[in-house]
């Protein structure tokens, strides 16, 4: 009887405590952002090489600059067109897997160029393989990481991750130009391949797909369970495109970003070195100037992220495009055999503006399209790269026909003025996550 009394008077078992995420002193999101930064820096080698290859390939194989520019344009176009599907694939298979495979494809494509003997091989290896790989870990990678791991400081983190590409350019451009000048372009291609492979372990071992994987809330947000994998990545990417295409802001963002790509990756990154070389400047000196652009690009992009957290994004875009257009109109008068103060002023000014457009563009995508913003930005990035591809090819053809790049600089300056006007036309969203309501 006593045993029965003891049993019945036991206190009830405590109810299970709901899961509460840990609050570490330094939030894990910052470590994920750091790994993402290092990954983009290490992968930036492949983006630094095309402009340096034009003269060596023209000299060795006697291929026209238009032919080489076409391979670069295929690379740039696929870089952009792959991005929205990559964002959807990251939702389906996880960031780590997609980025690790993309880096491996880049390494393969760059290594195969060492044995090429015909233009179609350049198009296949550098244009298709490197283009697909680079597109799979393009700026949509940074946007996906930022959206998942950060609620506060999103603009600042976007600026930092965007600046990672410029930091990689700063590291690799002088190295690759030195290798090409002293040892030929083959060692430079091998360096790109090894750099891409070296980043894979960082991605696989240190990157995590979602804060819930380590029991955390996003930085500045509340804890949420990891969403289930989203099937039908390709279908979702296309569906989001069709929905976004029914809205005016999408076409304005895509149009301005196409001009952004045309005036940066397609024009300056691809043709600045050969254009400066046309005026008697050594290739290493011209590549060094591009690297200096990378220095100030880091400053300008991080500052742009800070501004995006505080000022209206569309007005920032208008200012950035207007200033870029003015600087491009002056460039033909500044090219000379030696580096002089006005050219350095252009490099500093242009560097501060290089990808400063990215944080406000991502912010506008987030304002208008909510949870689908990473995929929408992927399509906007596709337009960026299509614009870059068009100018990369057109610039090479213009050089072959007119024996000068001047007309391309002036045309790009005029396009930037158009982009500034288009940015001002973008309206504010009526409700958050407007796309989901369509």
Protein backbone atom coordinates (compact mmCIF):
# COMPACT_ATOMS: atom_id res chain seq x y z
CA UNK A 1 0.00 0.00 0.00
CA UNK A 2 2.82 2.36 0.86
CA UNK A 3 4.37 1.69 -2.54
CA UNK A 4 1.06 2.54 -4.16
CA UNK A 5 0.86 5.85 -2.31
CA UNK A 6 4.40 6.74 -3.28
CA UNK A 7 3.67 6.03 -6.89
CA UNK A 8 0.52 8.12 -7.01
CA UNK A 9 2.08 11.12 -5.29
CA UNK A 10 5.00 11.51 -7.70
CA UNK A 11 5.04 14.93 -9.39
CA UNK A 12 4.03 14.95 -13.04
CA UNK A 13 6.80 14.74 -15.62
CA UNK A 14 7.88 18.15 -16.87
CA UNK A 15 6.52 19.14 -20.26
CA UNK A 16 9.08 19.20 -23.08
CA UNK A 17 10.84 22.51 -23.48
CA UNK A 18 10.36 23.97 -26.95
CA UNK A 19 13.49 24.22 -29.06
CA UNK A 20 15.25 27.50 -28.54
CA UNK A 21 18.10 28.44 -30.85
CA UNK A 22 21.48 29.13 -29.35
CA UNK A 23 22.75 32.70 -29.28
CA UNK A 24 26.53 32.55 -29.82
CA UNK A 25 28.71 35.53 -29.05
CA UNK A 26 29.64 35.88 -32.73
CA UNK A 27 26.75 34.77 -34.90
CA UNK A 28 27.48 31.86 -37.26
CA UNK A 29 26.09 33.94 -40.13
CA UNK A 30 29.28 36.00 -40.14
CA UNK A 31 31.40 32.86 -40.53
CA UNK A 32 29.18 31.71 -43.42
CA UNK A 33 29.58 35.14 -45.02
CA UNK A 34 33.36 34.87 -44.57
CA UNK A 35 33.46 31.46 -46.28
CA UNK A 36 31.31 32.81 -49.09
CA UNK A 37 33.66 35.78 -49.46
CA UNK A 38 36.73 33.50 -49.67
CA UNK A 39 34.93 31.26 -52.18
CA UNK A 40 34.11 34.17 -54.48
CA UNK A 41 37.64 35.54 -54.15
CA UNK A 42 39.18 32.18 -55.06
CA UNK A 43 36.82 31.72 -58.00
CA UNK A 44 37.51 35.25 -59.30
CA UNK A 45 40.54 33.98 -61.21
CA UNK A 46 38.35 32.77 -64.08
CA UNK A 47 36.72 36.20 -64.38
CA UNK A 48 40.11 37.93 -64.56
CA UNK A 49 41.49 35.99 -67.52
CA UNK A 50 39.37 36.73 -70.66
CA UNK A 51 40.62 40.29 -71.20
CA UNK A 52 44.21 39.08 -70.86
CA UNK A 53 43.75 36.30 -73.44
CA UNK A 54 42.72 38.41 -76.43
CA UNK A 55 46.19 39.50 -77.53
CA UNK A 56 48.02 36.19 -76.77
CA UNK A 57 45.44 34.08 -78.63
CA UNK A 58 45.36 36.54 -81.53
CA UNK A 59 49.16 36.39 -81.79
CA UNK A 60 49.49 32.59 -81.43
CA UNK A 61 46.56 31.32 -83.48
CA UNK A 62 45.86 34.38 -85.67
CA UNK A 63 42.21 34.25 -84.61
CA UNK A 64 40.39 37.56 -85.06
CA UNK A 65 39.46 39.59 -82.02
CA UNK A 66 35.82 39.15 -83.02
CA UNK A 67 36.23 35.36 -82.86
CA UNK A 68 37.84 35.51 -79.43
CA UNK A 69 35.23 38.04 -78.32
CA UNK A 70 32.50 35.62 -79.41
CA UNK A 71 33.87 32.92 -77.07
CA UNK A 72 33.95 35.46 -74.25
CA UNK A 73 30.39 36.52 -75.09
CA UNK A 74 29.20 32.89 -74.87
CA UNK A 75 30.88 32.66 -71.47
CA UNK A 76 29.23 35.85 -70.25
CA UNK A 77 25.79 34.94 -71.64
CA UNK A 78 25.78 31.48 -70.06
CA UNK A 79 27.08 33.00 -66.83
CA UNK A 80 23.91 35.06 -66.69
CA UNK A 81 21.39 32.57 -68.10
CA UNK A 82 22.50 29.86 -65.68
CA UNK A 83 22.14 32.06 -62.59
CA UNK A 84 18.34 31.84 -62.07
CA UNK A 85 18.40 28.05 -62.45
CA UNK A 86 21.33 27.89 -60.04
CA UNK A 87 19.33 29.81 -57.43
CA UNK A 88 16.50 27.29 -57.81
CA UNK A 89 18.98 24.38 -57.69
CA UNK A 90 20.34 25.76 -54.42
CA UNK A 91 16.81 25.59 -53.02
CA UNK A 92 16.53 21.98 -54.22
CA UNK A 93 19.97 20.47 -53.52
CA UNK A 94 21.63 22.96 -51.18
CA UNK A 95 24.24 25.66 -51.63
CA UNK A 96 27.25 23.44 -50.88
CA UNK A 97 26.55 20.83 -53.54
CA UNK A 98 25.75 23.31 -56.30
CA UNK A 99 28.79 25.50 -55.67
CA UNK A 100 31.20 22.55 -55.30
CA UNK A 101 30.07 21.06 -58.62
CA UNK A 102 30.24 24.49 -60.31
CA UNK A 103 33.84 25.02 -59.19
CA UNK A 104 34.79 21.58 -60.52
CA UNK A 105 33.27 22.36 -63.92
CA UNK A 106 35.19 25.67 -64.04
CA UNK A 107 38.43 23.85 -63.26
CA UNK A 108 37.79 21.30 -66.03
CA UNK A 109 36.93 23.89 -68.67
CA UNK A 110 39.94 26.07 -67.89
CA UNK A 111 42.34 23.12 -67.89
CA UNK A 112 41.09 21.82 -71.25
CA UNK A 113 41.92 25.13 -72.96
CA UNK A 114 45.62 24.25 -72.60
CA UNK A 115 45.22 21.65 -75.37
CA UNK A 116 42.92 23.60 -77.73
CA UNK A 117 43.89 24.18 -81.36
CA UNK A 118 40.68 25.52 -82.95
CA UNK A 119 38.23 28.37 -82.19
CA UNK A 120 35.33 25.99 -81.53
CA UNK A 121 37.32 24.48 -78.67
CA UNK A 122 37.74 27.92 -77.09
CA UNK A 123 33.98 28.41 -77.37
CA UNK A 124 33.28 24.97 -75.86
CA UNK A 125 35.85 24.97 -73.06
CA UNK A 126 35.93 28.59 -72.01
CA UNK A 127 32.57 29.72 -73.36
CA UNK A 128 30.33 26.79 -72.40
CA UNK A 129 31.99 24.93 -69.52
CA UNK A 130 33.45 27.89 -67.66
CA UNK A 131 30.30 29.91 -68.45
CA UNK A 132 28.00 27.27 -66.98
CA UNK A 133 30.18 26.76 -63.94
CA UNK A 134 30.62 30.44 -63.20
CA UNK A 135 26.91 31.12 -63.70
CA UNK A 136 26.06 28.46 -61.12
CA UNK A 137 27.90 30.42 -58.44
CA UNK A 138 27.31 33.93 -59.69
CA UNK A 139 25.86 36.80 -57.68
CA UNK A 140 22.78 34.63 -57.10
CA UNK A 141 25.05 32.68 -54.73
CA UNK A 142 25.69 35.81 -52.67
CA UNK A 143 22.00 36.77 -52.81
CA UNK A 144 20.92 33.30 -51.60
CA UNK A 145 23.38 33.31 -48.69
CA UNK A 146 22.34 36.82 -47.69
CA UNK A 147 18.61 36.05 -47.86
CA UNK A 148 18.93 32.89 -45.76
CA UNK A 149 21.44 33.94 -43.12
CA UNK A 150 20.72 37.65 -42.60
CA UNK A 151 17.72 39.79 -41.77
CA UNK A 152 19.62 42.74 -40.36
CA UNK A 153 22.59 44.23 -42.25
CA UNK A 154 21.52 42.67 -45.54
CA UNK A 155 22.63 45.65 -47.59
CA UNK A 156 26.05 45.75 -45.95
CA UNK A 157 26.61 41.99 -46.35
CA UNK A 158 25.49 42.13 -49.98
CA UNK A 159 28.02 44.87 -50.59
CA UNK A 160 30.82 42.88 -48.92
CA UNK A 161 30.07 39.69 -50.86
CA UNK A 162 29.76 41.59 -54.12
CA UNK A 163 33.13 43.19 -53.42
CA UNK A 164 34.68 39.73 -53.09
CA UNK A 165 34.87 39.45 -56.86
CA UNK A 166 36.80 42.68 -57.01
CA UNK A 167 39.12 41.45 -54.27
CA UNK A 168 39.82 38.35 -56.32
CA UNK A 169 40.48 40.52 -59.34
CA UNK A 170 43.00 42.47 -57.25
CA UNK A 171 44.76 39.21 -56.33
CA UNK A 172 44.73 37.45 -59.69
CA UNK A 173 45.02 40.13 -62.38
CA UNK A 174 48.65 41.08 -61.63
CA UNK A 175 49.59 37.41 -61.20
CA UNK A 176 47.92 36.24 -64.41
CA UNK A 177 49.26 39.14 -66.48
CA UNK A 178 52.80 38.43 -65.18
CA UNK A 179 52.44 34.73 -66.04
CA UNK A 180 51.20 35.53 -69.55
CA UNK A 181 53.98 38.03 -70.24
CA UNK A 182 56.83 35.82 -68.94
CA UNK A 183 55.58 32.26 -69.47
CA UNK A 184 52.66 32.43 -71.92
CA UNK A 185 48.95 31.97 -71.44
CA UNK A 186 49.03 28.20 -70.71
CA UNK A 187 50.28 28.55 -67.10
CA UNK A 188 47.64 31.23 -66.52
CA UNK A 189 44.88 28.83 -67.60
CA UNK A 190 46.28 26.13 -65.29
CA UNK A 191 46.37 28.65 -62.42
CA UNK A 192 42.68 29.40 -62.92
CA UNK A 193 41.90 25.68 -62.84
CA UNK A 194 43.88 25.07 -59.65
CA UNK A 195 42.37 28.13 -57.96
CA UNK A 196 38.85 26.88 -58.58
CA UNK A 197 39.71 23.42 -57.23
CA UNK A 198 41.41 24.87 -54.14
CA UNK A 199 38.15 26.52 -53.04
CA UNK A 200 36.09 23.30 -53.12
CA UNK A 201 37.20 22.02 -49.66
CA UNK A 202 36.29 25.37 -48.06
CA UNK A 203 32.80 25.14 -49.52
CA UNK A 204 32.21 21.50 -48.60
CA UNK A 205 33.59 21.57 -45.06
CA UNK A 206 32.70 25.06 -43.80
CA UNK A 207 29.60 26.30 -45.64
CA UNK A 208 26.11 25.48 -44.37
CA UNK A 209 22.91 25.72 -46.37
CA UNK A 210 20.57 27.15 -43.73
CA UNK A 211 20.73 28.58 -40.17
CA UNK A 212 18.49 25.75 -38.96
CA UNK A 213 21.26 23.28 -39.92
CA UNK A 214 23.16 24.49 -36.85
CA UNK A 215 20.14 25.35 -34.71
CA UNK A 216 20.28 29.11 -35.20
CA UNK A 217 18.02 31.95 -36.23
CA UNK A 218 19.17 34.20 -39.07
CA UNK A 219 21.21 37.18 -37.93
CA UNK A 220 18.70 39.78 -36.75
CA UNK A 221 15.75 37.44 -37.28
CA UNK A 222 13.74 34.72 -35.51
CA UNK A 223 14.30 30.98 -35.65
CA UNK A 224 12.53 29.07 -38.40
CA UNK A 225 12.73 25.44 -39.41
CA UNK A 226 14.64 24.63 -42.56
CA UNK A 227 12.20 24.50 -45.47
CA UNK A 228 11.80 21.25 -47.35
CA UNK A 229 13.72 20.95 -50.64
CA UNK A 230 11.83 22.55 -53.50
CA UNK A 231 11.36 20.07 -56.37
CA UNK A 232 11.28 21.08 -60.01
CA UNK A 233 14.08 23.64 -59.90
CA UNK A 234 13.98 24.41 -63.62
CA UNK A 235 10.18 24.69 -63.65
CA UNK A 236 10.24 27.01 -60.66
CA UNK A 237 12.86 29.26 -62.24
CA UNK A 238 10.80 29.59 -65.42
CA UNK A 239 7.55 30.08 -63.49
CA UNK A 240 9.08 32.88 -61.45
CA UNK A 241 10.33 34.49 -64.67
CA UNK A 242 6.85 34.43 -66.24
CA UNK A 243 5.31 35.98 -63.13
CA UNK A 244 7.99 38.64 -62.82
CA UNK A 245 7.77 39.46 -66.52
CA UNK A 246 4.19 40.64 -65.93
CA UNK A 247 5.48 43.48 -63.73
CA UNK A 248 7.05 46.73 -64.86
CA UNK A 249 9.86 46.89 -62.28
CA UNK A 250 11.31 43.63 -63.59
CA UNK A 251 11.87 45.03 -67.08
CA UNK A 252 13.33 48.26 -65.72
CA UNK A 253 15.69 46.36 -63.43
CA UNK A 254 16.64 43.97 -66.22
CA UNK A 255 17.23 46.85 -68.63
CA UNK A 256 19.40 48.86 -66.25
CA UNK A 257 21.39 45.78 -65.27
CA UNK A 258 21.94 44.85 -68.93
CA UNK A 259 23.55 48.27 -69.38
CA UNK A 260 25.53 47.69 -66.19
CA UNK A 261 26.96 44.48 -67.63
CA UNK A 262 27.66 46.08 -70.98
CA UNK A 263 29.64 48.91 -69.40
CA UNK A 264 31.65 46.75 -66.94
CA UNK A 265 32.26 43.05 -67.68
CA UNK A 266 31.55 43.32 -71.39
CA UNK A 267 33.51 46.50 -72.05
CA UNK A 268 36.09 47.44 -69.44
CA UNK A 269 36.98 44.00 -68.06
CA UNK A 270 37.20 42.47 -71.56
CA UNK A 271 38.57 45.31 -73.70
CA UNK A 272 40.36 47.79 -71.44
CA UNK A 273 43.69 45.91 -71.52
CA UNK A 274 43.82 45.52 -75.33
CA UNK A 275 42.57 49.11 -75.79
CA UNK A 276 45.31 50.46 -73.53
CA UNK A 277 47.82 48.24 -75.34
CA UNK A 278 46.71 49.80 -78.65
CA UNK A 279 47.93 53.13 -77.25
CA UNK A 280 51.33 51.69 -76.34
CA UNK A 281 50.73 50.80 -72.68
CA UNK A 282 52.33 47.49 -71.57
CA UNK A 283 49.89 44.69 -70.80
CA UNK A 284 51.14 44.37 -67.23
CA UNK A 285 50.59 48.10 -66.62
CA UNK A 286 47.05 47.95 -68.04
CA UNK A 287 46.26 44.84 -65.98
CA UNK A 288 47.62 46.65 -62.92
CA UNK A 289 45.16 49.48 -63.55
CA UNK A 290 42.31 46.97 -63.67
CA UNK A 291 43.55 45.58 -60.37
CA UNK A 292 43.47 49.09 -58.89
CA UNK A 293 39.87 49.34 -60.07
CA UNK A 294 39.34 46.23 -57.95
CA UNK A 295 40.76 48.00 -54.88
CA UNK A 296 38.34 50.88 -55.11
CA UNK A 297 35.55 48.56 -56.20
CA UNK A 298 35.76 46.93 -52.77
CA UNK A 299 35.41 50.31 -51.07
CA UNK A 300 32.63 51.49 -53.38
CA UNK A 301 30.57 48.32 -53.15
CA UNK A 302 30.72 48.04 -49.37
CA UNK A 303 29.83 51.73 -49.13
CA UNK A 304 26.95 51.14 -51.54
CA UNK A 305 25.65 48.36 -49.30
CA UNK A 306 25.78 50.76 -46.34
CA UNK A 307 23.97 53.44 -48.37
CA UNK A 308 21.34 50.89 -49.49
CA UNK A 309 20.40 50.25 -45.84
CA UNK A 310 19.75 53.99 -45.43
CA UNK A 311 18.67 55.58 -48.74
CA UNK A 312 16.18 54.87 -51.50
CA UNK A 313 17.67 52.23 -53.79
CA UNK A 314 16.35 53.55 -57.10
CA UNK A 315 17.86 57.00 -56.53
CA UNK A 316 21.19 55.42 -55.69
CA UNK A 317 21.05 53.51 -58.99
CA UNK A 318 20.33 56.68 -60.94
CA UNK A 319 23.34 58.43 -59.42
CA UNK A 320 25.65 55.45 -60.01
CA UNK A 321 24.72 55.06 -63.69
CA UNK A 322 24.93 58.79 -64.40
CA UNK A 323 28.43 59.04 -62.92
CA UNK A 324 29.59 55.94 -64.78
CA UNK A 325 28.37 57.31 -68.10
CA UNK A 326 30.24 60.57 -67.61
CA UNK A 327 33.48 58.75 -66.79
CA UNK A 328 33.27 56.54 -69.91
CA UNK A 329 32.85 59.56 -72.17
CA UNK A 330 36.22 60.88 -70.96
CA UNK A 331 38.14 57.59 -71.21
CA UNK A 332 39.17 57.77 -74.93
CA UNK A 333 40.98 61.04 -74.20
CA UNK A 334 42.90 59.50 -71.30
CA UNK A 335 44.41 56.40 -72.93
CA UNK A 336 48.17 56.85 -73.43
CA UNK A 337 51.44 54.85 -73.42
CA UNK A 338 52.09 55.67 -69.77
CA UNK A 339 50.01 55.97 -66.63
CA UNK A 340 49.35 59.64 -65.85
CA UNK A 341 47.32 61.41 -63.11
CA UNK A 342 44.08 61.91 -65.11
CA UNK A 343 44.05 58.18 -65.93
CA UNK A 344 44.52 57.35 -62.24
CA UNK A 345 41.62 59.68 -61.42
CA UNK A 346 39.44 57.76 -63.89
CA UNK A 347 40.52 54.42 -62.38
CA UNK A 348 39.65 55.56 -58.86
CA UNK A 349 36.34 57.12 -59.91
CA UNK A 350 35.30 54.16 -62.07
CA UNK A 351 36.41 51.64 -59.47
CA UNK A 352 34.17 53.18 -56.80
CA UNK A 353 31.22 52.80 -59.20
CA UNK A 354 32.09 49.40 -60.75
CA UNK A 355 29.55 47.12 -59.04
CA UNK A 356 28.05 49.62 -56.63
CA UNK A 357 24.81 48.98 -58.55
CA UNK A 358 24.46 45.44 -57.14
CA UNK A 359 23.29 46.12 -53.53
CA UNK A 360 20.47 48.51 -54.54
CA UNK A 361 19.42 46.19 -57.39
CA UNK A 362 19.19 43.21 -55.01
CA UNK A 363 17.32 45.40 -52.51
CA UNK A 364 14.77 46.39 -55.17
CA UNK A 365 14.29 42.74 -56.15
CA UNK A 366 13.71 41.90 -52.49
CA UNK A 367 11.23 44.76 -52.05
CA UNK A 368 9.17 43.81 -55.09
CA UNK A 369 9.44 40.00 -55.17
CA UNK A 370 9.91 38.77 -51.59
CA UNK A 371 10.80 35.10 -51.19
CA UNK A 372 11.37 34.71 -54.94
CA UNK A 373 13.80 37.62 -55.01
CA UNK A 374 16.95 35.46 -55.36
CA UNK A 375 15.56 33.79 -58.48
CA UNK A 376 14.25 37.09 -59.86
CA UNK A 377 17.68 38.59 -59.28
CA UNK A 378 19.11 35.59 -61.11
CA UNK A 379 17.08 36.57 -64.19
CA UNK A 380 18.04 40.21 -63.76
CA UNK A 381 21.66 39.03 -63.59
CA UNK A 382 21.03 37.09 -66.79
CA UNK A 383 20.20 40.36 -68.52
CA UNK A 384 23.40 41.83 -67.04
CA UNK A 385 25.44 39.10 -68.67
CA UNK A 386 23.55 39.24 -71.98
CA UNK A 387 24.41 42.93 -72.13
CA UNK A 388 28.02 42.09 -71.26
CA UNK A 389 28.12 39.38 -73.93
CA UNK A 390 26.77 41.73 -76.59
CA UNK A 391 29.43 44.37 -75.90
CA UNK A 392 32.22 41.81 -75.52
CA UNK A 393 31.47 40.62 -79.07
CA UNK A 394 30.63 44.04 -80.51
CA UNK A 395 33.77 45.56 -79.00
CA UNK A 396 35.97 42.98 -80.71
CA UNK A 397 34.19 43.50 -84.04
CA UNK A 398 34.44 47.29 -83.70
CA UNK A 399 38.18 47.01 -83.08
CA UNK A 400 38.58 44.81 -86.18
CA UNK A 401 36.50 47.19 -88.36
CA UNK A 402 37.43 50.66 -87.07
CA UNK A 403 40.88 49.82 -85.65
CA UNK A 404 39.82 51.64 -82.49
CA UNK A 405 37.59 51.18 -79.45
CA UNK A 406 36.50 54.83 -79.24
CA UNK A 407 33.00 54.34 -80.63
CA UNK A 408 32.31 51.64 -78.05
CA UNK A 409 33.30 53.88 -75.13
CA UNK A 410 31.03 56.70 -76.34
CA UNK A 411 28.08 54.37 -76.98
CA UNK A 412 28.41 52.84 -73.50
CA UNK A 413 28.44 56.29 -71.91
CA UNK A 414 25.18 57.13 -73.66
CA UNK A 415 23.63 53.83 -72.52
CA UNK A 416 24.54 54.60 -68.91
CA UNK A 417 22.66 57.90 -69.16
CA UNK A 418 19.62 55.93 -70.35
CA UNK A 419 19.99 53.53 -67.40
CA UNK A 420 19.97 56.45 -64.95
CA UNK A 421 16.60 57.60 -66.33
CA UNK A 422 15.20 54.06 -66.23
CA UNK A 423 16.17 53.68 -62.56
CA UNK A 424 14.18 56.77 -61.61
CA UNK A 425 11.06 55.33 -63.27
CA UNK A 426 11.02 52.24 -61.02
CA UNK A 427 8.05 52.62 -58.70
CA UNK A 428 7.87 51.67 -55.04
CA UNK A 429 6.14 48.34 -54.30
CA UNK A 430 2.53 48.65 -53.20
CA UNK A 431 2.85 45.69 -50.80
CA UNK A 432 5.80 43.56 -49.67
CA UNK A 433 6.46 40.37 -51.65
CA UNK A 434 4.42 41.65 -54.57
CA UNK A 435 5.24 38.70 -56.79
CA UNK A 436 3.62 36.13 -54.51
CA UNK A 437 0.36 38.03 -54.77
CA UNK A 438 0.22 37.87 -58.57
